[in-house]
């Protein structure tokens, strides 16, 4: 399954720019977060990590939406690798599949 993760920092911000950037990827399910990315304690991030299964692909517009520091990003990538889930980032042109 193709999964999209979109995060903006506040309720007032609009996630449309990120969802538009992911159009055309065939994403079947989006997890949208409207909270700070200061840590990994985000309900939709945790729900996505629980939901994703082996051979799924997670799409983000850019890595800063997934994590705001390298330690958290590496922890998320490790979890995805353990579950055999690929990560694709538009902005950085990264595809771990």
Protein backbone atom coordinates (compact mmCIF):
# COMPACT_ATOMS: atom_id res chain seq x y z
CA UNK A 1 0.00 0.00 0.00
CA UNK A 2 1.14 3.54 -0.69
CA UNK A 3 0.83 5.73 2.41
CA UNK A 4 1.26 9.50 2.66
CA UNK A 5 2.41 11.34 5.77
CA UNK A 6 1.76 15.07 5.91
CA UNK A 7 2.63 17.33 8.84
CA UNK A 8 2.19 21.02 9.51
CA UNK A 9 3.30 22.60 12.78
CA UNK A 10 0.05 24.25 13.87
CA UNK A 11 -3.70 23.85 13.43
CA UNK A 12 -3.81 27.15 11.52
CA UNK A 13 -1.42 25.96 8.82
CA UNK A 14 -2.71 24.32 5.66
CA UNK A 15 -1.43 20.92 4.56
CA UNK A 16 -2.62 21.37 0.96
CA UNK A 17 0.84 22.22 -0.45
CA UNK A 18 2.18 18.88 0.77
CA UNK A 19 -0.80 16.82 -0.37
CA UNK A 20 -0.66 18.50 -3.80
CA UNK A 21 3.04 17.64 -4.06
CA UNK A 22 2.22 13.98 -3.41
CA UNK A 23 -0.55 13.80 -6.01
CA UNK A 24 0.16 11.36 -8.78
CA UNK A 25 1.92 8.90 -6.46
CA UNK A 26 -1.16 6.69 -6.13
CA UNK A 27 -1.38 7.17 -2.39
CA UNK A 28 -4.20 5.13 -0.90
CA UNK A 29 -4.15 6.42 2.69
CA UNK A 30 -2.98 9.70 4.20
CA UNK A 31 -1.99 10.41 7.79
CA UNK A 32 -2.24 14.16 8.43
CA UNK A 33 -0.69 15.74 11.51
CA UNK A 34 -1.13 19.31 12.76
CA UNK A 35 1.42 19.40 15.56
CA UNK A 36 5.04 20.33 16.11
CA UNK A 37 7.63 17.83 14.96
CA UNK A 38 9.81 18.45 18.02
CA UNK A 39 9.74 14.76 18.90
CA UNK A 40 8.24 11.44 17.82
CA UNK A 41 5.29 11.75 20.22
CA UNK A 42 2.80 12.50 17.46
CA UNK A 43 -0.48 10.56 17.26
CA UNK A 44 -0.67 10.31 13.48
CA UNK A 45 3.01 9.39 13.13
CA UNK A 46 2.58 6.59 15.64
CA UNK A 47 -0.68 5.47 13.98
CA UNK A 48 1.06 5.38 10.60
CA UNK A 49 3.99 3.37 11.96
CA UNK A 50 1.51 0.88 13.47
CA UNK A 51 -0.65 0.75 10.32
CA UNK A 52 2.14 0.24 7.77
CA UNK A 53 2.92 -3.32 6.77
CA UNK A 54 5.71 -5.14 4.96
CA UNK A 55 6.21 -3.93 1.37
CA UNK A 56 4.24 -0.71 1.95
CA UNK A 57 5.75 2.59 0.81
CA UNK A 58 5.54 5.78 2.87
CA UNK A 59 5.66 9.07 0.99
CA UNK A 60 6.56 12.47 2.46
CA UNK A 61 6.95 15.79 0.71
CA UNK A 62 10.26 16.37 2.49
CA UNK A 63 12.11 14.77 5.38
CA UNK A 64 11.57 17.76 7.68
CA UNK A 65 7.87 16.81 7.79
CA UNK A 66 8.76 13.37 9.12
CA UNK A 67 11.40 14.45 11.67
CA UNK A 68 13.04 17.67 12.76
CA UNK A 69 16.31 16.12 13.90
CA UNK A 70 18.63 13.45 12.59
CA UNK A 71 18.27 11.17 15.63
CA UNK A 72 14.48 10.96 15.24
CA UNK A 73 14.76 10.52 11.48
CA UNK A 74 17.21 7.63 11.91
CA UNK A 75 14.94 6.02 14.52
CA UNK A 76 11.97 6.21 12.15
CA UNK A 77 13.98 4.85 9.23
CA UNK A 78 15.21 1.98 11.43
CA UNK A 79 11.61 1.09 12.36
CA UNK A 80 10.63 1.16 8.70
CA UNK A 81 13.58 -1.00 7.69
CA UNK A 82 12.75 -3.54 10.40
CA UNK A 83 9.23 -3.83 8.98
CA UNK A 84 10.52 -3.86 5.35
CA UNK A 85 8.74 -0.61 4.51
CA UNK A 86 10.18 1.81 1.95
CA UNK A 87 10.38 5.58 2.41
CA UNK A 88 10.15 8.09 -0.43
CA UNK A 89 10.83 11.81 -0.02
CA UNK A 90 9.92 14.10 -2.91
CA UNK A 91 12.13 17.07 -2.10
CA UNK A 92 15.32 15.13 -1.41
CA UNK A 93 14.67 12.54 -4.16
CA UNK A 94 15.19 9.70 -1.69
CA UNK A 95 13.68 6.28 -2.27
CA UNK A 96 14.78 3.50 0.09
CA UNK A 97 13.04 0.77 -1.90
